[in-house]
C-alpha atoms as a PDB file:
ATOM      1  CA  MET A   1      17.864  21.689 -19.224  1.00  0.00           C
ATOM      2  CA  THR A   2      18.437  18.085 -18.183  1.00  0.00           C
ATOM      3  CA  GLU A   3      18.957  15.577 -20.986  1.00  0.00           C
ATOM      4  CA  ILE A   4      17.275  12.228 -20.400  1.00  0.00           C
ATOM      5  CA  LEU A   5      19.430   9.092 -20.666  1.00  0.00           C
ATOM      6  CA  ASP A   6      16.779   7.027 -22.420  1.00  0.00           C
ATOM      7  CA  GLY A   7      17.380   3.351 -21.669  1.00  0.00           C
ATOM      8  CA  LYS A   8      14.154   2.305 -23.369  1.00  0.00           C
ATOM      9  CA  TRP A   9      15.313   3.777 -26.670  1.00  0.00           C
ATOM     10  CA  LEU A  10      18.848   2.371 -26.414  1.00  0.00           C
ATOM     11  CA  SER A  11      17.595  -1.058 -25.372  1.00  0.00           C
ATOM     12  CA  SER A  12      15.311  -1.167 -28.426  1.00  0.00           C
ATOM     13  CA  THR A  13      18.207  -0.142 -30.680  1.00  0.00           C
ATOM     14  CA  ILE A  14      20.478  -2.866 -29.267  1.00  0.00           C
ATOM     15  CA  ARG A  15      17.768  -5.513 -29.583  1.00  0.00           C
ATOM     16  CA  GLU A  16      17.076  -4.537 -33.183  1.00  0.00           C
ATOM     17  CA  LYS A  17      20.776  -4.873 -34.074  1.00  0.00           C
ATOM     18  CA  LEU A  18      20.930  -8.292 -32.400  1.00  0.00           C
ATOM     19  CA  LYS A  19      17.817  -9.364 -34.295  1.00  0.00           C
ATOM     20  CA  GLU A  20      19.460  -8.321 -37.572  1.00  0.00           C
ATOM     21  CA  LYS A  21      22.623 -10.277 -36.701  1.00  0.00           C
ATOM     22  CA  THR A  22      20.590 -13.350 -35.794  1.00  0.00           C
ATOM     23  CA  GLU A  23      18.623 -13.192 -39.054  1.00  0.00           C
ATOM     24  CA  LEU A  24      21.936 -13.449 -40.939  1.00  0.00           C
ATOM     25  CA  LEU A  25      22.732 -16.788 -39.256  1.00  0.00           C
ATOM     26  CA  LYS A  26      21.471 -18.997 -42.052  1.00  0.00           C
ATOM     27  CA  GLY A  27      22.413 -22.670 -42.073  1.00  0.00           C
ATOM     28  CA  VAL A  28      23.978 -22.629 -38.599  1.00  0.00           C
ATOM     29  CA  ARG A  29      22.531 -23.092 -35.132  1.00  0.00           C
ATOM     30  CA  LEU A  30      21.062 -20.084 -33.345  1.00  0.00           C
ATOM     31  CA  PRO A  31      22.216 -18.565 -30.026  1.00  0.00           C
ATOM     32  CA  GLN A  32      20.636 -20.314 -27.043  1.00  0.00           C
ATOM     33  CA  LEU A  33      20.072 -19.033 -23.509  1.00  0.00           C
ATOM     34  CA  VAL A  34      18.947 -21.472 -20.826  1.00  0.00           C
ATOM     35  CA  VAL A  35      17.396 -20.088 -17.648  1.00  0.00           C
ATOM     36  CA  VAL A  36      17.022 -22.159 -14.487  1.00  0.00           C
ATOM     37  CA  LEU A  37      14.151 -21.059 -12.244  1.00  0.00           C
ATOM     38  CA  VAL A  38      13.754 -22.659  -8.812  1.00  0.00           C
ATOM     39  CA  GLY A  39      10.586 -22.236  -6.749  1.00  0.00           C
ATOM     40  CA  ASP A  40       7.556 -20.016  -7.191  1.00  0.00           C
ATOM     41  CA  ASP A  41       8.718 -16.498  -6.317  1.00  0.00           C
ATOM     42  CA  PRO A  42       6.350 -14.214  -8.297  1.00  0.00           C
ATOM     43  CA  ALA A  43       8.994 -11.573  -9.067  1.00  0.00           C
ATOM     44  CA  SER A  44      11.412 -14.223 -10.356  1.00  0.00           C
ATOM     45  CA  HIS A  45       8.717 -15.658 -12.624  1.00  0.00           C
ATOM     46  CA  THR A  46       8.045 -12.171 -14.008  1.00  0.00           C
ATOM     47  CA  TYR A  47      11.744 -11.569 -14.706  1.00  0.00           C
ATOM     48  CA  VAL A  48      12.198 -14.973 -16.337  1.00  0.00           C
ATOM     49  CA  ASN A  49       9.147 -14.504 -18.558  1.00  0.00           C
ATOM     50  CA  ALA A  50      10.545 -11.134 -19.691  1.00  0.00           C
ATOM     51  CA  LYS A  51      13.926 -12.714 -20.493  1.00  0.00           C
ATOM     52  CA  GLU A  52      12.280 -15.562 -22.388  1.00  0.00           C
ATOM     53  CA  LYS A  53      10.200 -13.133 -24.470  1.00  0.00           C
ATOM     54  CA  ALA A  54      13.231 -10.908 -25.173  1.00  0.00           C
ATOM     55  CA  CYS A  55      15.211 -13.897 -26.471  1.00  0.00           C
ATOM     56  CA  LYS A  56      12.417 -14.944 -28.799  1.00  0.00           C
ATOM     57  CA  ASP A  57      11.950 -11.368 -30.039  1.00  0.00           C
ATOM     58  CA  VAL A  58      15.558 -11.256 -31.321  1.00  0.00           C
ATOM     59  CA  GLY A  59      15.481 -14.801 -32.702  1.00  0.00           C
ATOM     60  CA  PHE A  60      17.427 -16.633 -29.985  1.00  0.00           C
ATOM     61  CA  ILE A  61      16.456 -20.058 -28.707  1.00  0.00           C
ATOM     62  CA  SER A  62      15.272 -19.774 -25.117  1.00  0.00           C
ATOM     63  CA  LYS A  63      14.654 -22.634 -22.721  1.00  0.00           C
ATOM     64  CA  VAL A  64      13.520 -22.409 -19.112  1.00  0.00           C
ATOM     65  CA  HIS A  65      13.950 -25.204 -16.580  1.00  0.00           C
ATOM     66  CA  ARG A  66      11.228 -24.588 -13.986  1.00  0.00           C
ATOM     67  CA  LEU A  67      12.155 -26.553 -10.874  1.00  0.00           C
ATOM     68  CA  THR A  68      10.224 -27.103  -7.659  1.00  0.00           C
ATOM     69  CA  ALA A  69      11.471 -25.432  -4.480  1.00  0.00           C
ATOM     70  CA  ASP A  70      12.290 -28.790  -2.857  1.00  0.00           C
ATOM     71  CA  ILE A  71      15.020 -29.675  -5.371  1.00  0.00           C
ATOM     72  CA  THR A  72      18.316 -30.756  -3.768  1.00  0.00           C
ATOM     73  CA  ASN A  73      21.709 -29.142  -4.244  1.00  0.00           C
ATOM     74  CA  GLU A  74      22.952 -32.266  -5.990  1.00  0.00           C
ATOM     75  CA  GLU A  75      20.063 -32.255  -8.473  1.00  0.00           C
ATOM     76  CA  LEU A  76      20.503 -28.562  -9.273  1.00  0.00           C
ATOM     77  CA  LEU A  77      24.273 -28.825  -9.729  1.00  0.00           C
ATOM     78  CA  SER A  78      23.811 -31.923 -11.883  1.00  0.00           C
ATOM     79  CA  LEU A  79      21.490 -29.979 -14.196  1.00  0.00           C
ATOM     80  CA  ILE A  80      23.996 -27.124 -14.490  1.00  0.00           C
ATOM     81  CA  LYS A  81      26.813 -29.567 -15.311  1.00  0.00           C
ATOM     82  CA  SER A  82      24.712 -31.116 -18.077  1.00  0.00           C
ATOM     83  CA  LEU A  83      24.061 -27.635 -19.515  1.00  0.00           C
ATOM     84  CA  ASN A  84      27.802 -26.913 -19.365  1.00  0.00           C
ATOM     85  CA  GLU A  85      28.417 -29.990 -21.517  1.00  0.00           C
ATOM     86  CA  ASP A  86      25.644 -29.218 -24.020  1.00  0.00           C
ATOM     87  CA  GLU A  87      27.384 -27.628 -27.012  1.00  0.00           C
ATOM     88  CA  THR A  88      24.148 -26.014 -28.213  1.00  0.00           C
ATOM     89  CA  VAL A  89      23.848 -23.946 -25.010  1.00  0.00           C
ATOM     90  CA  ASP A  90      25.647 -20.582 -25.083  1.00  0.00           C
ATOM     91  CA  GLY A  91      24.402 -18.908 -21.918  1.00  0.00           C
ATOM     92  CA  ILE A  92      23.306 -20.290 -18.560  1.00  0.00           C
ATOM     93  CA  LEU A  93      21.464 -18.135 -16.053  1.00  0.00           C
ATOM     94  CA  VAL A  94      20.196 -19.297 -12.672  1.00  0.00           C
ATOM     95  CA  GLN A  95      17.532 -16.825 -11.554  1.00  0.00           C
ATOM     96  CA  MET A  96      18.319 -15.484  -8.091  1.00  0.00           C
ATOM     97  CA  PRO A  97      17.306 -15.640  -5.324  1.00  0.00           C
ATOM     98  CA  ILE A  98      17.068 -19.409  -4.949  1.00  0.00           C
ATOM     99  CA  PRO A  99      15.574 -21.204  -1.903  1.00  0.00           C
ATOM    100  CA  LYS A 100      17.716 -20.873   1.232  1.00  0.00           C
ATOM    101  CA  HIS A 101      18.526 -24.583   1.518  1.00  0.00           C
ATOM    102  CA  LEU A 102      20.437 -24.358  -1.778  1.00  0.00           C
ATOM    103  CA  ASP A 103      24.060 -23.207  -2.000  1.00  0.00           C
ATOM    104  CA  SER A 104      24.071 -20.153  -4.286  1.00  0.00           C
ATOM    105  CA  LYS A 105      27.886 -19.904  -4.220  1.00  0.00           C
ATOM    106  CA  ALA A 106      28.214 -23.514  -5.383  1.00  0.00           C
ATOM    107  CA  VAL A 107      25.680 -22.811  -8.132  1.00  0.00           C
ATOM    108  CA  ILE A 108      27.669 -19.837  -9.448  1.00  0.00           C
ATOM    109  CA  LEU A 109      30.951 -21.766  -9.226  1.00  0.00           C
ATOM    110  CA  THR A 110      29.485 -24.684 -11.179  1.00  0.00           C
ATOM    111  CA  ILE A 111      28.430 -22.602 -14.196  1.00  0.00           C
ATOM    112  CA  ASP A 112      31.033 -22.719 -16.980  1.00  0.00           C
ATOM    113  CA  PRO A 113      32.666 -19.241 -16.986  1.00  0.00           C
ATOM    114  CA  GLU A 114      32.342 -19.210 -20.790  1.00  0.00           C
ATOM    115  CA  LYS A 115      28.557 -19.589 -20.420  1.00  0.00           C
ATOM    116  CA  ASP A 116      28.230 -17.281 -17.399  1.00  0.00           C
ATOM    117  CA  VAL A 117      26.293 -14.513 -19.151  1.00  0.00           C
ATOM    118  CA  ASP A 118      25.386 -12.975 -15.775  1.00  0.00           C
ATOM    119  CA  GLY A 119      29.091 -12.342 -15.090  1.00  0.00           C
ATOM    120  CA  PHE A 120      29.002 -13.675 -11.517  1.00  0.00           C
ATOM    121  CA  HIS A 121      31.602 -16.466 -11.703  1.00  0.00           C
ATOM    122  CA  PRO A 122      34.773 -15.578  -9.715  1.00  0.00           C
ATOM    123  CA  ILE A 123      36.897 -16.072 -12.843  1.00  0.00           C
ATOM    124  CA  ASN A 124      34.859 -13.449 -14.690  1.00  0.00           C
ATOM    125  CA  VAL A 125      34.863 -11.156 -11.651  1.00  0.00           C
ATOM    126  CA  GLY A 126      38.660 -11.466 -11.533  1.00  0.00           C
ATOM    127  CA  LYS A 127      38.969 -10.661 -15.217  1.00  0.00           C
ATOM    128  CA  LEU A 128      36.827  -7.559 -14.728  1.00  0.00           C
ATOM    129  CA  HIS A 129      39.176  -6.398 -11.972  1.00  0.00           C
ATOM    130  CA  SER A 130      42.167  -7.105 -14.235  1.00  0.00           C
ATOM    131  CA  ASN A 131      40.507  -5.087 -17.013  1.00  0.00           C
ATOM    132  CA  GLU A 132      40.377  -8.121 -19.307  1.00  0.00           C
ATOM    133  CA  LYS A 133      37.563  -8.849 -21.752  1.00  0.00           C
ATOM    134  CA  THR A 134      34.960 -10.911 -19.925  1.00  0.00           C
ATOM    135  CA  PHE A 135      31.271 -11.241 -19.146  1.00  0.00           C
ATOM    136  CA  VAL A 136      30.155  -8.342 -16.960  1.00  0.00           C
ATOM    137  CA  PRO A 137      26.982  -8.269 -14.812  1.00  0.00           C
ATOM    138  CA  CYS A 138      24.177  -6.955 -16.984  1.00  0.00           C
ATOM    139  CA  THR A 139      22.971  -3.929 -15.003  1.00  0.00           C
ATOM    140  CA  PRO A 140      26.447  -2.358 -14.529  1.00  0.00           C
ATOM    141  CA  LEU A 141      27.221  -3.043 -18.188  1.00  0.00           C
ATOM    142  CA  GLY A 142      23.939  -1.354 -19.102  1.00  0.00           C
ATOM    143  CA  VAL A 143      24.933   1.737 -17.105  1.00  0.00           C
ATOM    144  CA  MET A 144      28.216   2.027 -19.011  1.00  0.00           C
ATOM    145  CA  GLU A 145      26.581   1.460 -22.405  1.00  0.00           C
ATOM    146  CA  LEU A 146      24.027   4.153 -21.629  1.00  0.00           C
ATOM    147  CA  LEU A 147      26.753   6.683 -20.798  1.00  0.00           C
ATOM    148  CA  LYS A 148      28.677   5.690 -23.924  1.00  0.00           C
ATOM    149  CA  ALA A 149      25.605   6.103 -26.157  1.00  0.00           C
ATOM    150  CA  TYR A 150      25.337   9.733 -25.058  1.00  0.00           C
ATOM    151  CA  ASN A 151      29.081  10.342 -25.609  1.00  0.00           C
ATOM    152  CA  ILE A 152      29.737  10.813 -21.905  1.00  0.00           C
ATOM    153  CA  ASP A 153      33.438  10.214 -21.262  1.00  0.00           C
ATOM    154  CA  VAL A 154      33.927   9.389 -17.570  1.00  0.00           C
ATOM    155  CA  SER A 155      37.732   9.581 -17.741  1.00  0.00           C
ATOM    156  CA  GLY A 156      38.936  11.900 -14.979  1.00  0.00           C
ATOM    157  CA  MET A 157      35.441  12.390 -13.564  1.00  0.00           C
ATOM    158  CA  ASN A 158      34.935  12.497  -9.816  1.00  0.00           C
ATOM    159  CA  THR A 159      32.401   9.678  -9.490  1.00  0.00           C
ATOM    160  CA  VAL A 160      30.356   8.438  -6.533  1.00  0.00           C
ATOM    161  CA  VAL A 161      28.766   4.976  -6.505  1.00  0.00           C
ATOM    162  CA  LEU A 162      26.092   4.569  -3.842  1.00  0.00           C
ATOM    163  CA  GLY A 163      25.916   0.885  -2.922  1.00  0.00           C
ATOM    164  CA  ARG A 164      28.448  -1.934  -2.775  1.00  0.00           C
ATOM    165  CA  SER A 165      26.444  -5.000  -3.822  1.00  0.00           C
ATOM    166  CA  HIS A 166      28.073  -7.694  -5.937  1.00  0.00           C
ATOM    167  CA  LEU A 167      25.223  -7.279  -8.435  1.00  0.00           C
ATOM    168  CA  VAL A 168      25.624  -3.567  -9.159  1.00  0.00           C
ATOM    169  CA  GLY A 169      27.710  -1.367  -6.854  1.00  0.00           C
ATOM    170  CA  ARG A 170      31.058  -3.154  -6.925  1.00  0.00           C
ATOM    171  CA  PRO A 171      31.078  -4.096 -10.623  1.00  0.00           C
ATOM    172  CA  VAL A 172      29.924  -0.667 -11.801  1.00  0.00           C
ATOM    173  CA  ALA A 173      32.631   0.930  -9.632  1.00  0.00           C
ATOM    174  CA  GLN A 174      35.225  -1.354 -11.226  1.00  0.00           C
ATOM    175  CA  LEU A 175      33.991  -0.553 -14.734  1.00  0.00           C
ATOM    176  CA  LEU A 176      34.304   3.150 -13.930  1.00  0.00           C
ATOM    177  CA  VAL A 177      37.844   2.637 -12.589  1.00  0.00           C
ATOM    178  CA  ASN A 178      38.700   0.725 -15.770  1.00  0.00           C
ATOM    179  CA  ALA A 179      37.394   3.730 -17.725  1.00  0.00           C
ATOM    180  CA  ASN A 180      39.772   6.032 -15.766  1.00  0.00           C
ATOM    181  CA  ALA A 181      37.201   7.665 -13.498  1.00  0.00           C
ATOM    182  CA  THR A 182      38.073   8.614  -9.920  1.00  0.00           C
ATOM    183  CA  VAL A 183      35.664   6.501  -7.882  1.00  0.00           C
ATOM    184  CA  THR A 184      34.316   6.732  -4.331  1.00  0.00           C
ATOM    185  CA  ILE A 185      32.024   3.949  -3.089  1.00  0.00           C
ATOM    186  CA  CYS A 186      29.543   4.881  -0.362  1.00  0.00           C
ATOM    187  CA  HIS A 187      27.512   2.370   1.656  1.00  0.00           C
ATOM    188  CA  SER A 188      25.477   2.022   4.852  1.00  0.00           C
ATOM    189  CA  ARG A 189      28.514   2.711   7.068  1.00  0.00           C
ATOM    190  CA  SER A 190      29.717   5.736   5.114  1.00  0.00           C
ATOM    191  CA  LYS A 191      29.598   9.128   6.818  1.00  0.00           C
ATOM    192  CA  HIS A 192      28.636  12.488   5.299  1.00  0.00           C
ATOM    193  CA  ILE A 193      27.330  10.901   2.095  1.00  0.00           C
ATOM    194  CA  ASP A 194      25.541  14.117   1.137  1.00  0.00           C
ATOM    195  CA  GLU A 195      28.820  16.074   1.232  1.00  0.00           C
ATOM    196  CA  ILE A 196      30.614  13.412  -0.810  1.00  0.00           C
ATOM    197  CA  CYS A 197      27.854  13.470  -3.432  1.00  0.00           C
ATOM    198  CA  ARG A 198      27.996  17.263  -3.750  1.00  0.00           C
ATOM    199  CA  ARG A 199      31.564  16.985  -5.076  1.00  0.00           C
ATOM    200  CA  ALA A 200      30.658  14.386  -7.710  1.00  0.00           C
ATOM    201  CA  ASP A 201      30.574  14.904 -11.469  1.00  0.00           C
ATOM    202  CA  LEU A 202      28.734  11.580 -11.782  1.00  0.00           C
ATOM    203  CA  ILE A 203      26.524   9.793  -9.241  1.00  0.00           C
ATOM    204  CA  VAL A 204      25.406   6.187  -9.714  1.00  0.00           C
ATOM    205  CA  ALA A 205      22.674   5.440  -7.172  1.00  0.00           C
ATOM    206  CA  ALA A 206      22.283   1.722  -6.466  1.00  0.00           C
ATOM    207  CA  VAL A 207      21.527   1.759  -2.764  1.00  0.00           C
ATOM    208  CA  GLY A 208      18.047   0.230  -2.889  1.00  0.00           C
ATOM    209  CA  VAL A 209      16.375   2.949  -0.799  1.00  0.00           C
ATOM    210  CA  PRO A 210      13.511   4.935  -2.365  1.00  0.00           C
ATOM    211  CA  HIS A 211      14.326   8.630  -2.896  1.00  0.00           C
ATOM    212  CA  PHE A 212      17.627   8.308  -1.003  1.00  0.00           C
ATOM    213  CA  VAL A 213      19.409  10.991  -3.045  1.00  0.00           C
ATOM    214  CA  LYS A 214      18.032  14.483  -2.443  1.00  0.00           C
ATOM    215  CA  LYS A 215      18.168  17.485  -4.760  1.00  0.00           C
ATOM    216  CA  ASP A 216      20.625  19.400  -2.568  1.00  0.00           C
ATOM    217  CA  TRP A 217      23.088  16.468  -2.745  1.00  0.00           C
ATOM    218  CA  VAL A 218      23.671  17.070  -6.454  1.00  0.00           C
ATOM    219  CA  LYS A 219      25.783  19.897  -7.818  1.00  0.00           C
ATOM    220  CA  LYS A 220      24.575  21.788 -10.879  1.00  0.00           C
ATOM    221  CA  GLY A 221      25.596  20.025 -14.082  1.00  0.00           C
ATOM    222  CA  ALA A 222      26.298  16.639 -12.507  1.00  0.00           C
ATOM    223  CA  ILE A 223      25.274  13.402 -14.246  1.00  0.00           C
ATOM    224  CA  VAL A 224      22.926  11.127 -12.284  1.00  0.00           C
ATOM    225  CA  VAL A 225      22.272   7.454 -13.017  1.00  0.00           C
ATOM    226  CA  ASP A 226      19.448   5.967 -10.946  1.00  0.00           C
ATOM    227  CA  VAL A 227      19.610   2.154 -10.756  1.00  0.00           C
ATOM    228  CA  GLY A 228      16.921   1.874  -8.066  1.00  0.00           C
ATOM    229  CA  ILE A 229      13.405   0.697  -8.789  1.00  0.00           C
ATOM    230  CA  HIS A 230      10.618   0.632  -6.212  1.00  0.00           C
ATOM    231  CA  ARG A 231       6.833   0.378  -6.334  1.00  0.00           C
ATOM    232  CA  THR A 232       4.955   2.737  -4.001  1.00  0.00           C
ATOM    233  CA  GLU A 233       1.704   1.979  -2.178  1.00  0.00           C
ATOM    234  CA  ASP A 234      -0.218   3.898  -4.846  1.00  0.00           C
ATOM    235  CA  ASN A 235       1.449   1.736  -7.536  1.00  0.00           C
ATOM    236  CA  LYS A 236       3.932   4.312  -8.861  1.00  0.00           C
ATOM    237  CA  ILE A 237       7.443   3.295  -9.934  1.00  0.00           C
ATOM    238  CA  ILE A 238      10.182   5.409  -8.333  1.00  0.00           C
ATOM    239  CA  GLY A 239      13.956   5.220  -8.017  1.00  0.00           C
ATOM    240  CA  ASP A 240      16.691   5.913  -5.476  1.00  0.00           C
ATOM    241  CA  VAL A 241      16.804   9.583  -6.543  1.00  0.00           C
ATOM    242  CA  VAL A 242      14.134  12.256  -6.028  1.00  0.00           C
ATOM    243  CA  ALA A 243      12.625  13.586  -9.268  1.00  0.00           C
ATOM    244  CA  GLU A 244      13.597  17.178  -8.373  1.00  0.00           C
ATOM    245  CA  VAL A 245      17.230  16.340  -9.196  1.00  0.00           C
ATOM    246  CA  MET A 246      16.135  16.910 -12.811  1.00  0.00           C
ATOM    247  CA  ASP A 247      16.286  20.636 -11.985  1.00  0.00           C
ATOM    248  CA  VAL A 248      20.074  20.555 -11.513  1.00  0.00           C
ATOM    249  CA  ALA A 249      21.497  17.504 -13.344  1.00  0.00           C
ATOM    250  CA  SER A 250      22.904  17.803 -16.870  1.00  0.00           C
ATOM    251  CA  TYR A 251      21.976  14.188 -17.664  1.00  0.00           C
ATOM    252  CA  MET A 252      19.752  11.801 -15.732  1.00  0.00           C
ATOM    253  CA  THR A 253      18.167   8.391 -16.170  1.00  0.00           C
ATOM    254  CA  PRO A 254      14.401   8.280 -15.661  1.00  0.00           C
ATOM    255  CA  VAL A 255      12.675   5.587 -13.599  1.00  0.00           C
ATOM    256  CA  PRO A 256      11.194   3.673 -15.323  1.00  0.00           C
ATOM    257  CA  ARG A 257      12.705   3.710 -18.882  1.00  0.00           C
ATOM    258  CA  GLY A 258      16.266   4.255 -17.694  1.00  0.00           C
ATOM    259  CA  VAL A 259      18.629   1.538 -16.499  1.00  0.00           C
ATOM    260  CA  GLY A 260      15.945  -1.164 -16.196  1.00  0.00           C
ATOM    261  CA  PRO A 261      15.451  -1.870 -19.920  1.00  0.00           C
ATOM    262  CA  MET A 262      19.234  -2.002 -20.392  1.00  0.00           C
ATOM    263  CA  THR A 263      19.632  -5.020 -18.109  1.00  0.00           C
ATOM    264  CA  ILE A 264      17.867  -7.480 -20.410  1.00  0.00           C
ATOM    265  CA  ALA A 265      19.454  -5.872 -23.486  1.00  0.00           C
ATOM    266  CA  MET A 266      22.888  -6.572 -21.997  1.00  0.00           C
ATOM    267  CA  LEU A 267      21.881 -10.150 -21.174  1.00  0.00           C
ATOM    268  CA  LEU A 268      21.043 -10.639 -24.849  1.00  0.00           C
ATOM    269  CA  SER A 269      24.312  -8.976 -25.869  1.00  0.00           C
ATOM    270  CA  ASN A 270      26.335 -11.207 -23.518  1.00  0.00           C
ATOM    271  CA  THR A 271      24.538 -14.278 -24.872  1.00  0.00           C
ATOM    272  CA  PHE A 272      25.362 -13.337 -28.452  1.00  0.00           C
ATOM    273  CA  ASP A 273      29.008 -12.742 -27.480  1.00  0.00           C
ATOM    274  CA  ALA A 274      29.099 -16.195 -25.848  1.00  0.00           C
ATOM    275  CA  TYR A 275      27.573 -17.676 -29.000  1.00  0.00           C
ATOM    276  CA  GLU A 276      30.228 -16.080 -31.221  1.00  0.00           C
ATOM    277  CA  GLN A 277      33.023 -17.362 -28.954  1.00  0.00           C
ATOM    278  CA  HIS A 278      31.580 -20.884 -29.010  1.00  0.00           C
ATOM    279  CA  MET A 279      31.208 -20.870 -32.800  1.00  0.00           C
ATOM    280  CA  LYS A 280      34.858 -19.834 -33.165  1.00  0.00           C
ATOM    281  CA  GLY A 281      35.790 -22.820 -30.993  1.00  0.00           C
END
């Protein structure tokens, strides 16, 4: 019988704890997350609205700078620098993707690493690879917290990460290495991916292809974490893994209600951590 790794439940638990911590902050300023949204991409607006609501639900201050798509690099970087200098701002998040005429690398480099709650700044990436305490990208961090909540110790596990993006694949692989797992990363150029997966104790699917992982790729008793999220033509939400894997996996994340809810929960957690660091000076 497969046990469900319930991200919806864990996300709610984490948010409730953060709300309780925030309610105890009497007589001092509250944590503040500032989101910068450029352009009118519908998906980005949806994500930003969800982040704004989540902040307010736990008692954080949330501000969104909604900028037109024709903003210049100089104007955008100037805004970020002013947010860096604002002592009441704990976290800065620039919603990606941004319009193509803007320099996304320069944007990430300009964010103060101590306010980089997305964990994308090269300094924070370097600290992750050095196994130092730092801000970690929210989705990979959510994967690890989900495993931890179900007392799954990945130490010594033969683990396969499908996908090598800077958002999920690479950082989740590094987190697994830091936790003493044996990690193989597969990507679009990898050969015999099905055979590699069959040897895995843990599979993290973050390849961005609907139903990429088939049932016969997964050995009985393996743990499967599905990071993918796709909407079908008939408006169903599916992941990178076929549902039939439930027949063989010992633990598996559902889609939806799995990794997705954890991403915003980890953003809130990172923001509170940044707040505590700033208050300590």
